[in-house]
Amino acid sequence: MIRHVLMIRWKDSFSADIREKWVEGLEKMRGNIPGMLALSHGPDILHTEKSWDHVIIVDFASVEDIATYNSHPLHEAIKPYSLPNAAELAYVDFEIPETATSPSDMR
């Protein structure tokens, strides 16, 4: 499994109206893009000096599925809301071995 983690810092131009449309678009992707196993996201709640404004975490079956996601129409639909309003983006894609312990197993 491949985990894609994206962190965003927004410009002041990212208004409440734009945010609502962007989040709506994110939610439409869940379960509707081939190879996407899971999607979670949310705004930062601590608002520290080093915090990012929003994080998106997406799990994919394979590296090839990330390419499908990157060019999928549902993903393309949110880019006009996010890209012009993003001050900074940081992301990482990493492999999670099938033998890895999930957080739910650590109780």
N, C-alpha and C. Protein backbone atom coordinates (compact mmCIF):
# COMPACT_ATOMS: atom_id res chain seq x y z
N MET A 1 0.85 -1.17 0.00
CA MET A 1 0.00 0.00 0.00
C MET A 1 0.90 1.24 0.00
N ILE A 2 0.45 2.26 -0.70
CA ILE A 2 1.18 3.54 -0.76
C ILE A 2 0.34 4.59 -0.05
N ARG A 3 0.97 5.33 0.84
CA ARG A 3 0.29 6.42 1.55
C ARG A 3 0.80 7.75 1.01
N HIS A 4 -0.13 8.60 0.62
CA HIS A 4 0.16 9.94 0.10
C HIS A 4 -0.28 10.93 1.18
N VAL A 5 0.64 11.77 1.62
CA VAL A 5 0.34 12.78 2.65
C VAL A 5 0.66 14.15 2.04
N LEU A 6 -0.34 15.03 2.06
CA LEU A 6 -0.19 16.37 1.52
C LEU A 6 -0.54 17.37 2.61
N MET A 7 0.35 18.35 2.82
CA MET A 7 0.10 19.42 3.78
C MET A 7 0.05 20.74 3.02
N ILE A 8 -0.89 21.60 3.41
CA ILE A 8 -1.11 22.86 2.70
C ILE A 8 -1.11 24.02 3.69
N ARG A 9 -0.46 25.11 3.28
CA ARG A 9 -0.61 26.40 3.95
C ARG A 9 -1.34 27.30 2.97
N TRP A 10 -2.43 27.88 3.43
CA TRP A 10 -3.28 28.68 2.55
C TRP A 10 -2.88 30.14 2.54
N LYS A 11 -3.13 30.79 1.41
CA LYS A 11 -3.04 32.24 1.29
C LYS A 11 -4.32 32.84 1.89
N ASP A 12 -4.30 34.12 2.13
CA ASP A 12 -5.49 34.80 2.63
C ASP A 12 -6.65 34.73 1.63
N SER A 13 -6.35 34.47 0.38
CA SER A 13 -7.38 34.39 -0.66
C SER A 13 -8.27 33.15 -0.53
N PHE A 14 -7.87 32.20 0.32
CA PHE A 14 -8.66 30.97 0.50
C PHE A 14 -9.84 31.27 1.42
N SER A 15 -10.89 31.78 0.82
CA SER A 15 -12.07 32.24 1.57
C SER A 15 -12.93 31.06 2.03
N ALA A 16 -13.87 31.35 2.89
CA ALA A 16 -14.80 30.32 3.38
C ALA A 16 -15.58 29.69 2.23
N ASP A 17 -15.97 30.49 1.25
CA ASP A 17 -16.72 29.99 0.10
C ASP A 17 -15.87 29.02 -0.73
N ILE A 18 -14.62 29.42 -0.98
CA ILE A 18 -13.71 28.55 -1.72
C ILE A 18 -13.45 27.27 -0.94
N ARG A 19 -13.23 27.40 0.37
CA ARG A 19 -12.97 26.23 1.22
C ARG A 19 -14.14 25.25 1.15
N GLU A 20 -15.35 25.75 1.20
CA GLU A 20 -16.53 24.87 1.15
C GLU A 20 -16.57 24.08 -0.15
N LYS A 21 -16.33 24.74 -1.27
CA LYS A 21 -16.33 24.05 -2.57
C LYS A 21 -15.20 23.05 -2.67
N TRP A 22 -14.04 23.42 -2.12
CA TRP A 22 -12.87 22.54 -2.15
C TRP A 22 -13.12 21.28 -1.32
N VAL A 23 -13.64 21.44 -0.10
CA VAL A 23 -13.93 20.29 0.76
C VAL A 23 -15.00 19.41 0.12
N GLU A 24 -16.02 20.01 -0.48
CA GLU A 24 -17.04 19.25 -1.20
C GLU A 24 -16.40 18.38 -2.27
N GLY A 25 -15.47 18.96 -3.01
CA GLY A 25 -14.76 18.21 -4.04
C GLY A 25 -13.92 17.08 -3.48
N LEU A 26 -13.26 17.32 -2.36
CA LEU A 26 -12.50 16.26 -1.70
C LEU A 26 -13.41 15.09 -1.33
N GLU A 27 -14.54 15.41 -0.75
CA GLU A 27 -15.48 14.36 -0.31
C GLU A 27 -16.01 13.55 -1.50
N LYS A 28 -16.18 14.18 -2.64
CA LYS A 28 -16.66 13.47 -3.84
C LYS A 28 -15.65 12.44 -4.32
N MET A 29 -14.37 12.65 -4.02
CA MET A 29 -13.34 11.71 -4.47
C MET A 29 -13.40 10.39 -3.71
N ARG A 30 -13.80 10.45 -2.45
CA ARG A 30 -13.80 9.25 -1.61
C ARG A 30 -14.66 8.16 -2.24
N GLY A 31 -14.03 7.02 -2.52
CA GLY A 31 -14.73 5.87 -3.08
C GLY A 31 -15.03 5.97 -4.57
N ASN A 32 -14.56 7.01 -5.22
CA ASN A 32 -14.89 7.21 -6.63
C ASN A 32 -13.68 7.29 -7.55
N ILE A 33 -12.50 7.03 -7.04
CA ILE A 33 -11.30 7.03 -7.87
C ILE A 33 -10.67 5.64 -7.80
N PRO A 34 -10.51 4.97 -8.93
CA PRO A 34 -9.93 3.62 -8.94
C PRO A 34 -8.58 3.57 -8.22
N GLY A 35 -8.41 2.56 -7.39
CA GLY A 35 -7.15 2.36 -6.67
C GLY A 35 -7.04 3.14 -5.37
N MET A 36 -7.95 4.07 -5.13
CA MET A 36 -7.94 4.83 -3.87
C MET A 36 -8.62 3.96 -2.80
N LEU A 37 -7.86 3.61 -1.80
CA LEU A 37 -8.37 2.75 -0.74
C LEU A 37 -9.02 3.53 0.40
N ALA A 38 -8.48 4.69 0.70
CA ALA A 38 -9.00 5.50 1.80
C ALA A 38 -8.56 6.94 1.61
N LEU A 39 -9.38 7.87 2.10
CA LEU A 39 -9.06 9.28 2.06
C LEU A 39 -9.53 9.90 3.37
N SER A 40 -8.63 10.63 4.02
CA SER A 40 -9.01 11.40 5.20
C SER A 40 -8.32 12.76 5.09
N HIS A 41 -8.93 13.76 5.70
CA HIS A 41 -8.37 15.10 5.63
C HIS A 41 -8.95 15.93 6.76
N GLY A 42 -8.29 17.03 7.04
CA GLY A 42 -8.82 17.94 8.05
C GLY A 42 -7.92 19.13 8.27
N PRO A 43 -8.52 20.18 8.82
CA PRO A 43 -7.75 21.38 9.15
C PRO A 43 -6.97 21.18 10.44
N ASP A 44 -5.89 21.91 10.57
CA ASP A 44 -5.10 21.89 11.80
C ASP A 44 -5.93 22.45 12.95
N ILE A 45 -5.81 21.84 14.11
CA ILE A 45 -6.57 22.31 15.27
C ILE A 45 -5.71 23.02 16.31
N LEU A 46 -4.39 22.93 16.19
CA LEU A 46 -3.52 23.56 17.20
C LEU A 46 -3.08 24.96 16.82
N HIS A 47 -2.93 25.22 15.52
CA HIS A 47 -2.54 26.54 15.03
C HIS A 47 -1.25 27.07 15.67
N THR A 48 -0.24 26.19 15.73
CA THR A 48 1.05 26.63 16.23
C THR A 48 1.84 27.31 15.12
N GLU A 49 2.96 27.88 15.48
CA GLU A 49 3.81 28.57 14.52
C GLU A 49 4.26 27.65 13.39
N LYS A 50 4.46 26.37 13.69
CA LYS A 50 4.95 25.42 12.70
C LYS A 50 3.84 24.61 12.05
N SER A 51 2.60 24.85 12.42
CA SER A 51 1.47 24.08 11.87
C SER A 51 1.24 24.41 10.40
N TRP A 52 0.74 23.42 9.70
CA TRP A 52 0.22 23.61 8.36
C TRP A 52 -1.29 23.77 8.51
N ASP A 53 -1.96 24.32 7.51
CA ASP A 53 -3.39 24.61 7.64
C ASP A 53 -4.29 23.40 7.43
N HIS A 54 -3.90 22.49 6.54
CA HIS A 54 -4.76 21.35 6.22
C HIS A 54 -3.88 20.19 5.80
N VAL A 55 -4.35 18.98 6.10
CA VAL A 55 -3.64 17.77 5.67
C VAL A 55 -4.63 16.86 4.95
N ILE A 56 -4.11 16.20 3.93
CA ILE A 56 -4.87 15.18 3.21
C ILE A 56 -4.03 13.91 3.24
N ILE A 57 -4.64 12.80 3.63
CA ILE A 57 -3.96 11.51 3.66
C ILE A 57 -4.78 10.55 2.81
N VAL A 58 -4.12 9.98 1.79
CA VAL A 58 -4.80 9.07 0.87
C VAL A 58 -3.99 7.80 0.75
N ASP A 59 -4.65 6.67 0.85
CA ASP A 59 -4.00 5.37 0.68
C ASP A 59 -4.37 4.80 -0.68
N PHE A 60 -3.36 4.27 -1.36
CA PHE A 60 -3.53 3.69 -2.68
C PHE A 60 -3.01 2.26 -2.70
N ALA A 61 -3.57 1.47 -3.60
CA ALA A 61 -3.13 0.09 -3.73
C ALA A 61 -1.73 0.00 -4.34
N SER A 62 -1.39 0.93 -5.26
CA SER A 62 -0.09 0.86 -5.93
C SER A 62 0.36 2.26 -6.34
N VAL A 63 1.61 2.35 -6.73
CA VAL A 63 2.17 3.61 -7.22
C VAL A 63 1.42 4.05 -8.48
N GLU A 64 1.06 3.11 -9.33
CA GLU A 64 0.33 3.43 -10.55
C GLU A 64 -1.01 4.10 -10.24
N ASP A 65 -1.62 3.73 -9.12
CA ASP A 65 -2.90 4.32 -8.74
C ASP A 65 -2.77 5.80 -8.37
N ILE A 66 -1.57 6.22 -7.95
CA ILE A 66 -1.35 7.64 -7.67
C ILE A 66 -1.43 8.44 -8.98
N ALA A 67 -0.89 7.87 -10.05
CA ALA A 67 -0.96 8.54 -11.36
C ALA A 67 -2.42 8.65 -11.81
N THR A 68 -3.20 7.63 -11.57
CA THR A 68 -4.63 7.67 -11.91
C THR A 68 -5.31 8.78 -11.13
N TYR A 69 -5.04 8.85 -9.85
CA TYR A 69 -5.59 9.89 -8.96
C TYR A 69 -5.19 11.29 -9.43
N ASN A 70 -3.91 11.47 -9.74
CA ASN A 70 -3.40 12.79 -10.11
C ASN A 70 -4.08 13.37 -11.33
N SER A 71 -4.53 12.52 -12.24
CA SER A 71 -5.16 13.02 -13.47
C SER A 71 -6.66 12.74 -13.53
N HIS A 72 -7.23 12.20 -12.47
CA HIS A 72 -8.66 11.87 -12.47
C HIS A 72 -9.49 13.16 -12.48
N PRO A 73 -10.61 13.17 -13.21
CA PRO A 73 -11.45 14.37 -13.28
C PRO A 73 -11.92 14.90 -11.91
N LEU A 74 -12.17 14.03 -10.95
CA LEU A 74 -12.59 14.50 -9.63
C LEU A 74 -11.46 15.23 -8.90
N HIS A 75 -10.22 14.79 -9.13
CA HIS A 75 -9.07 15.47 -8.54
C HIS A 75 -8.80 16.78 -9.28
N GLU A 76 -8.89 16.73 -10.60
CA GLU A 76 -8.70 17.94 -11.41
C GLU A 76 -9.71 19.02 -11.02
N ALA A 77 -10.92 18.61 -10.62
CA ALA A 77 -11.99 19.57 -10.30
C ALA A 77 -11.69 20.42 -9.08
N ILE A 78 -10.84 19.95 -8.16
CA ILE A 78 -10.56 20.76 -6.96
C ILE A 78 -9.31 21.63 -7.12
N LYS A 79 -8.50 21.35 -8.12
CA LYS A 79 -7.26 22.10 -8.31
C LYS A 79 -7.49 23.60 -8.53
N PRO A 80 -8.53 24.03 -9.25
CA PRO A 80 -8.75 25.48 -9.40
C PRO A 80 -9.05 26.19 -8.07
N TYR A 81 -9.50 25.44 -7.08
CA TYR A 81 -9.75 26.02 -5.75
C TYR A 81 -8.48 26.02 -4.90
N SER A 82 -7.70 24.93 -5.00
CA SER A 82 -6.55 24.80 -4.11
C SER A 82 -5.27 25.43 -4.64
N LEU A 83 -4.90 25.14 -5.87
CA LEU A 83 -3.59 25.57 -6.35
C LEU A 83 -3.39 27.09 -6.34
N PRO A 84 -4.33 27.90 -6.81
CA PRO A 84 -4.09 29.35 -6.77
C PRO A 84 -4.09 29.92 -5.35
N ASN A 85 -4.65 29.17 -4.41
CA ASN A 85 -4.79 29.67 -3.04
C ASN A 85 -3.80 29.05 -2.07
N ALA A 86 -2.93 28.17 -2.56
CA ALA A 86 -1.94 27.53 -1.71
C ALA A 86 -0.66 28.37 -1.66
N ALA A 87 -0.28 28.75 -0.46
CA ALA A 87 0.99 29.47 -0.27
C ALA A 87 2.15 28.48 -0.32
N GLU A 88 1.93 27.30 0.28
CA GLU A 88 2.95 26.25 0.31
C GLU A 88 2.28 24.89 0.29
N LEU A 89 2.94 23.95 -0.37
CA LEU A 89 2.52 22.55 -0.39
C LEU A 89 3.71 21.69 -0.01
N ALA A 90 3.48 20.66 0.76
CA ALA A 90 4.52 19.67 1.06
C ALA A 90 3.85 18.31 1.01
N TYR A 91 4.51 17.36 0.40
CA TYR A 91 3.92 16.04 0.36
C TYR A 91 4.99 14.96 0.35
N VAL A 92 4.54 13.78 0.74
CA VAL A 92 5.40 12.61 0.73
C VAL A 92 4.52 11.41 0.38
N ASP A 93 5.10 10.48 -0.37
CA ASP A 93 4.44 9.22 -0.70
C ASP A 93 5.36 8.12 -0.20
N PHE A 94 4.83 7.22 0.60
CA PHE A 94 5.67 6.16 1.13
C PHE A 94 4.92 4.84 1.17
N GLU A 95 5.70 3.78 1.14
CA GLU A 95 5.13 2.44 1.13
C GLU A 95 4.89 1.96 2.55
N ILE A 96 3.74 1.37 2.75
CA ILE A 96 3.41 0.76 4.04
C ILE A 96 3.42 -0.75 3.81
N PRO A 97 4.38 -1.45 4.40
CA PRO A 97 4.44 -2.91 4.20
C PRO A 97 3.18 -3.58 4.73
N GLU A 98 2.80 -4.65 4.07
CA GLU A 98 1.60 -5.39 4.48
C GLU A 98 1.73 -5.93 5.89
N THR A 99 2.95 -6.07 6.39
CA THR A 99 3.16 -6.60 7.73
C THR A 99 3.13 -5.51 8.79
N ALA A 100 2.96 -4.25 8.37
CA ALA A 100 2.95 -3.13 9.32
C ALA A 100 1.75 -3.22 10.24
N THR A 101 1.95 -2.78 11.45
CA THR A 101 0.87 -2.73 12.43
C THR A 101 0.08 -1.45 12.20
N SER A 102 -1.22 -1.59 12.10
CA SER A 102 -2.06 -0.41 11.94
C SER A 102 -2.32 0.21 13.30
N PRO A 103 -2.66 1.50 13.34
CA PRO A 103 -2.94 2.16 14.62
C PRO A 103 -4.04 1.47 15.43
N SER A 104 -5.01 0.86 14.73
CA SER A 104 -6.09 0.18 15.45
C SER A 104 -5.61 -1.09 16.13
N ASP A 105 -4.48 -1.65 15.66
CA ASP A 105 -3.92 -2.85 16.29
C ASP A 105 -3.09 -2.52 17.54
N MET A 106 -2.86 -1.26 17.82
CA MET A 106 -1.96 -0.85 18.88
C MET A 106 -2.70 -0.53 20.18
N ARG A 107 -3.89 -0.98 20.30
CA ARG A 107 -4.67 -0.70 21.53
C ARG A 107 -4.21 -1.52 22.69
